[in-house]
Protein backbone atom coordinates (compact mmCIF):
# COMPACT_ATOMS: atom_id res chain seq x y z
CA MET A 1 -5.88 -9.88 -1.93
CA PHE A 2 -2.25 -8.82 -1.68
CA ILE A 3 -1.85 -7.59 1.90
CA ILE A 4 0.88 -5.09 2.78
CA GLY A 5 1.44 -4.75 6.52
CA GLU A 6 1.42 -1.11 7.66
CA LEU A 7 2.97 -1.31 11.13
CA ILE A 8 6.70 -0.71 10.51
CA ASN A 9 6.24 3.03 10.49
CA GLY A 10 7.94 5.71 12.56
CA MET A 11 4.55 7.20 13.40
CA TYR A 12 4.09 4.32 15.85
CA SER A 13 5.89 4.77 19.17
CA ASN A 14 7.58 1.36 19.19
CA ILE A 15 9.08 1.86 15.73
CA ALA A 16 10.03 5.45 16.54
CA PHE A 17 11.96 4.12 19.54
CA ALA A 18 13.55 1.38 17.41
CA LEU A 19 14.72 3.94 14.85
CA LYS A 20 16.17 6.17 17.51
CA GLU A 21 18.07 3.33 19.22
CA HIS A 22 18.59 1.17 16.09
CA ASP A 23 16.95 -1.69 17.99
CA LYS A 24 16.57 -4.49 15.47
CA LYS A 25 14.56 -6.78 17.76
CA ILE A 26 11.54 -4.46 17.88
CA VAL A 27 11.40 -4.09 14.09
CA GLN A 28 11.97 -7.78 13.42
CA ALA A 29 9.30 -8.85 15.92
CA CYS A 30 6.83 -6.48 14.25
CA ALA A 31 7.72 -7.87 10.82
CA LEU A 32 7.33 -11.51 11.85
CA GLU A 33 4.04 -10.90 13.66
CA GLN A 34 2.52 -9.23 10.60
CA ILE A 35 3.71 -12.06 8.34
CA SER A 36 2.32 -14.71 10.69
CA ASN A 37 -1.05 -12.93 10.49
CA GLY A 38 -1.18 -12.89 6.71
CA ALA A 39 0.95 -10.03 5.35
CA ASP A 40 2.29 -10.74 1.85
CA ALA A 41 4.62 -7.70 1.98
CA LEU A 42 5.71 -5.10 4.51
CA ASP A 43 5.52 -1.33 4.22
CA LEU A 44 8.60 0.40 5.64
CA SER A 45 8.38 4.06 6.56
CA CYS A 46 10.65 6.17 8.76
CA GLY A 47 7.79 8.58 9.37
CA PRO A 48 8.26 11.75 11.39
CA ALA A 49 10.49 9.99 13.94
CA SER A 50 13.55 9.93 11.70
CA LYS A 51 15.94 12.85 11.49
CA ASN A 52 18.01 11.06 8.85
CA PRO A 53 15.81 8.88 6.60
CA LEU A 54 18.68 8.47 4.10
CA VAL A 55 20.29 6.27 6.76
CA ASP A 56 17.21 4.98 8.56
CA LEU A 57 15.26 3.56 5.60
CA PRO A 58 18.20 1.37 4.43
CA TRP A 59 18.60 0.29 8.07
CA LEU A 60 14.94 -0.77 8.17
CA VAL A 61 15.39 -2.65 4.88
CA GLU A 62 18.48 -4.50 6.10
CA THR A 63 16.91 -5.24 9.48
CA VAL A 64 13.74 -6.76 8.02
CA GLN A 65 15.64 -8.72 5.37
CA GLU A 66 17.47 -10.58 8.14
CA VAL A 67 14.23 -12.36 9.08
CA THR A 68 12.13 -12.55 5.88
CA ASP A 69 12.31 -12.61 2.11
CA LYS A 70 8.84 -11.04 1.73
CA PRO A 71 8.59 -8.03 -0.62
CA LEU A 72 9.28 -4.63 0.92
CA CYS A 73 7.20 -1.54 0.16
CA LEU A 74 9.50 1.47 0.52
CA ASP A 75 7.47 4.41 1.72
CA SER A 76 8.80 7.95 1.36
CA SER A 77 7.90 11.14 -0.49
CA LYS A 78 11.61 11.75 -1.23
CA PRO A 79 13.07 9.91 -4.25
CA LYS A 80 16.60 10.03 -2.82
CA VAL A 81 15.42 8.22 0.31
CA ILE A 82 13.62 5.64 -1.83
CA GLU A 83 16.76 5.01 -3.85
CA GLU A 84 18.88 4.46 -0.75
CA GLY A 85 16.32 1.87 0.36
CA LEU A 86 16.37 0.22 -3.05
CA LYS A 87 20.16 -0.01 -2.97
CA ALA A 88 19.94 -1.94 0.30
CA ALA A 89 17.19 -4.28 -0.88
CA ARG A 90 17.74 -7.94 -1.77
CA ASN A 91 14.04 -8.72 -1.50
CA LYS A 92 11.52 -7.73 -4.16
CA THR A 93 10.40 -4.12 -3.75
CA ILE A 94 7.47 -1.78 -4.28
CA ILE A 95 8.00 1.98 -4.44
CA ASN A 96 5.42 3.88 -2.39
CA SER A 97 4.80 6.16 -4.23
CA THR A 98 4.61 8.54 -7.19
CA THR A 99 2.00 11.21 -7.77
CA ALA A 100 0.62 12.12 -11.21
CA ASP A 101 3.02 15.07 -11.47
CA ILE A 102 5.30 14.69 -14.50
CA GLU A 103 8.44 15.67 -12.59
CA LYS A 104 7.77 12.87 -10.07
CA LEU A 105 6.93 10.34 -12.78
CA GLU A 106 10.13 11.19 -14.67
CA ILE A 107 12.18 10.34 -11.57
CA LEU A 108 10.35 7.39 -10.05
CA ILE A 109 9.43 5.35 -13.13
CA PRO A 110 13.10 5.13 -14.27
CA LEU A 111 14.02 4.30 -10.67
CA ALA A 112 11.48 1.47 -10.61
CA LYS A 113 12.82 0.16 -13.92
CA LYS A 114 16.45 0.37 -12.77
CA TYR A 115 15.81 -1.63 -9.60
CA LYS A 116 13.10 -3.91 -11.08
CA SER A 117 10.61 -2.60 -8.57
CA LYS A 118 6.85 -2.37 -8.68
CA LEU A 119 5.36 1.11 -8.28
CA ILE A 120 2.35 2.66 -6.57
CA GLY A 121 0.84 5.63 -8.39
CA ILE A 122 -1.38 7.87 -6.25
CA THR A 123 -4.03 9.85 -8.09
CA ILE A 124 -3.05 13.20 -6.65
CA SER A 125 -1.10 16.09 -8.14
CA ALA A 126 0.33 19.48 -7.29
CA GLN A 127 -3.15 20.88 -7.93
CA GLY A 128 -4.36 19.02 -4.84
CA ILE A 129 -6.59 16.13 -3.90
CA PRO A 130 -9.13 15.10 -6.56
CA GLN A 131 -12.70 15.88 -5.61
CA ASN A 132 -14.56 13.30 -7.67
CA LYS A 133 -14.25 10.10 -9.68
CA ASP A 134 -13.59 11.83 -12.99
CA GLN A 135 -10.62 13.74 -11.60
CA ARG A 136 -9.22 10.49 -10.20
CA LEU A 137 -9.62 8.80 -13.57
CA GLU A 138 -7.90 11.71 -15.33
CA LEU A 139 -4.90 11.49 -12.99
CA ALA A 140 -4.82 7.69 -13.32
CA ALA A 141 -4.69 8.09 -17.11
CA ILE A 142 -1.70 10.44 -16.80
CA ILE A 143 0.18 7.90 -14.66
CA LEU A 144 -0.70 5.00 -16.98
CA THR A 145 0.23 6.93 -20.13
CA HIS A 146 3.60 7.98 -18.76
CA ALA A 147 4.34 4.46 -17.53
CA SER A 148 3.44 2.95 -20.90
CA GLU A 149 5.46 5.51 -22.87
CA SER A 150 8.43 4.87 -20.56
CA GLY A 151 8.33 1.12 -21.17
CA PHE A 152 7.22 0.31 -17.62
CA SER A 153 4.96 -2.75 -17.37
CA ILE A 154 1.40 -1.83 -16.43
CA GLN A 155 1.20 -5.13 -14.55
CA ASP A 156 3.88 -3.80 -12.17
CA LEU A 157 1.83 -0.69 -11.43
CA PHE A 158 -0.64 -0.19 -8.57
CA LEU A 159 -3.13 2.68 -8.80
CA ASP A 160 -4.27 4.30 -5.56
CA PRO A 161 -7.46 6.43 -5.69
CA ILE A 162 -6.30 8.32 -2.54
CA VAL A 163 -8.74 7.37 0.19
CA MET A 164 -10.08 10.27 2.25
CA PRO A 165 -11.33 10.19 5.85
CA VAL A 166 -15.06 9.58 5.96
CA ASN A 167 -15.53 12.14 8.74
CA VAL A 168 -14.31 15.02 6.56
CA ALA A 169 -14.98 13.80 3.00
CA GLN A 170 -18.00 11.51 3.26
CA GLY A 171 -19.26 12.62 -0.14
CA GLN A 172 -16.11 11.31 -1.83
CA ILE A 173 -16.20 7.75 -0.50
CA LYS A 174 -18.59 6.35 -3.11
CA ASP A 175 -16.57 8.07 -5.87
CA ILE A 176 -13.44 6.35 -4.53
CA LEU A 177 -15.15 2.95 -4.73
CA ASP A 178 -16.36 3.73 -8.27
CA ALA A 179 -12.83 4.81 -9.23
CA ILE A 180 -11.39 1.47 -8.04
CA HIS A 181 -13.85 -0.29 -10.35
CA GLU A 182 -13.19 1.97 -13.33
CA PHE A 183 -9.38 1.95 -12.99
CA LYS A 184 -9.58 -1.69 -14.06
CA MET A 185 -11.15 -0.69 -17.37
CA ILE A 186 -8.69 1.99 -18.49
CA THR A 187 -6.17 -0.40 -20.07
CA ASN A 188 -5.79 -4.02 -21.05
CA PRO A 189 -4.08 -5.59 -19.19
CA SER A 190 -5.53 -3.78 -16.22
CA PRO A 191 -3.39 -2.06 -13.61
CA LYS A 192 -3.65 -3.34 -10.06
CA THR A 193 -5.50 -1.25 -7.50
CA ILE A 194 -4.43 -0.46 -3.95
CA ILE A 195 -5.56 1.63 -0.98
CA GLY A 196 -4.14 2.76 2.33
CA LEU A 197 -7.07 1.42 4.32
CA SER A 198 -6.60 3.24 7.63
CA ASN A 199 -6.98 6.63 5.89
CA VAL A 200 -10.74 6.10 5.61
CA SER A 201 -11.20 6.11 9.38
CA GLN A 202 -8.59 8.68 10.35
CA GLY A 203 -9.94 10.90 13.11
CA ALA A 204 -13.16 8.90 13.43
CA LYS A 205 -14.43 7.23 16.59
CA SER A 206 -15.41 3.78 15.26
CA ARG A 207 -12.19 3.16 13.33
CA SER A 208 -12.26 -0.64 13.22
CA LEU A 209 -15.88 -0.81 12.04
CA ILE A 210 -15.31 1.80 9.33
CA ASN A 211 -12.13 0.06 8.10
CA ARG A 212 -13.80 -3.34 7.94
CA THR A 213 -16.90 -2.09 6.14
CA PHE A 214 -14.95 -0.02 3.62
CA LEU A 215 -12.54 -2.87 2.88
CA THR A 216 -15.45 -5.21 2.11
CA MET A 217 -16.96 -2.68 -0.29
CA ALA A 218 -13.59 -2.01 -1.93
CA VAL A 219 -13.00 -5.72 -2.49
CA ALA A 220 -16.42 -5.94 -4.15
CA SER A 221 -15.36 -3.02 -6.38
CA GLY A 222 -12.31 -4.94 -7.60
CA LEU A 223 -9.57 -3.95 -5.15
CA ASP A 224 -6.36 -5.99 -5.54
CA SER A 225 -4.24 -4.84 -2.62
CA ALA A 226 -4.34 -2.85 0.60
CA ILE A 227 -1.88 -1.44 3.09
CA LEU A 228 -3.50 -2.36 6.39
CA ASP A 229 -3.04 -3.83 9.87
CA PRO A 230 -2.83 -7.61 9.39
CA ASN A 231 -2.86 -8.09 13.17
CA ASP A 232 -6.54 -7.07 13.19
CA LYS A 233 -7.92 -10.63 13.15
CA GLU A 234 -11.53 -9.60 12.54
CA LEU A 235 -10.46 -7.42 9.61
CA ILE A 236 -8.62 -10.35 8.00
CA ASP A 237 -11.55 -12.71 8.64
CA ILE A 238 -13.91 -10.23 6.97
CA LEU A 239 -11.52 -9.96 4.00
CA ILE A 240 -11.34 -13.75 3.64
CA THR A 241 -15.13 -14.01 3.83
CA ALA A 242 -15.67 -11.22 1.29
CA GLU A 243 -13.39 -12.98 -1.17
CA LEU A 244 -15.23 -16.25 -0.50
CA ILE A 245 -18.59 -14.64 -1.33
CA LEU A 246 -17.06 -13.20 -4.52
CA ASN A 247 -16.00 -16.77 -5.46
CA LYS A 248 -12.29 -16.01 -5.12
CA ASN A 249 -11.89 -18.63 -2.38
CA ILE A 250 -13.29 -22.17 -2.20
CA TYR A 251 -15.74 -22.84 0.60
CA CYS A 252 -15.21 -25.38 3.35
CA ASP A 253 -16.53 -25.31 6.92
CA SER A 254 -13.08 -24.42 8.22
CA TYR A 255 -12.37 -21.84 5.50
CA LEU A 256 -11.22 -19.13 7.93
CA GLU A 257 -8.56 -21.35 9.43
CA ALA A 258 -7.54 -22.65 6.00
CA TYR A 259 -7.14 -19.23 4.40
CA ARG A 260 -5.47 -17.68 7.43
CA LYS A 261 -2.78 -20.36 7.13
CA LYS A 262 -2.54 -19.75 3.39
C-alpha cells in the first residue's frame, strides 16, 4: 500500500497557524512524524486557512523539501495553485486532483505531463457526485480515455471512486468497494486506485473504527493507495495485517515491527 500522509492541511489548527506565521518548524515536524510512522508521500493542502494559496502552497513545498525527498501530493482545486506548487517542487509529485470534466482534464493532464507528475482522477463531474458503481465506472472511463488519448501513462494515474460518509450515504459504500475492484479491469495495464480514507467517517461518532474497517475492506477489493493519518498506529497495524492475510507480506512472528520499519 502506498500511504500518503494527510496531516499537512490548513484545515488542522497547527498547520493553519504555521501558514499564517510561516512557521517552518511546525510543518517540518508534522512531515517527519508522518514519515517515521510509514508515510510514503505527503499530501500538502493550504485548506481554508490560506488567503493566498498561490504563495502558500509553494511555501509548503519548499518547507517540506528541506527535510525529506519523499513525493509530494499537491492538493488544490485550482490549477494555477497546483502549477505554482509544481514549479517549486524538486521531489516527485502527484497532482490531487482532476475531475472527469473535459475542461479540467485538458488543463491538468498536460500539466502533469509537463512536470512529470502523477495524477489523481476523481470520479466526479459537474453533474455531481455519482450515485452508484456504474456511474463511477463511466466517469473513470472518461478519465482513462482522455489520459490515453493525451499520451499520459495510465500507470501514472490514480483513480479515486470518491468515498462518501457512511452516515449520510450508507447505501453507496458497497458500490464504492465494488468500483475499486472494477477500476482495475477497465484497462491493461490497470490504473492505480486511491481513496481519501477519512471521508468515510466524516461526521460519524466512531471515526477510528469506521476508518479501520473500511480500509481493510478496500484493501481486499484491490486498493493501491490511500490518503490517511499514518500516525494512527492501530490503523497502520490493521493495514499491515490485511496485506499479510492477502499474501502481500511475508509472515514472521514480529511482522508488525518488521513492516512498520519497512
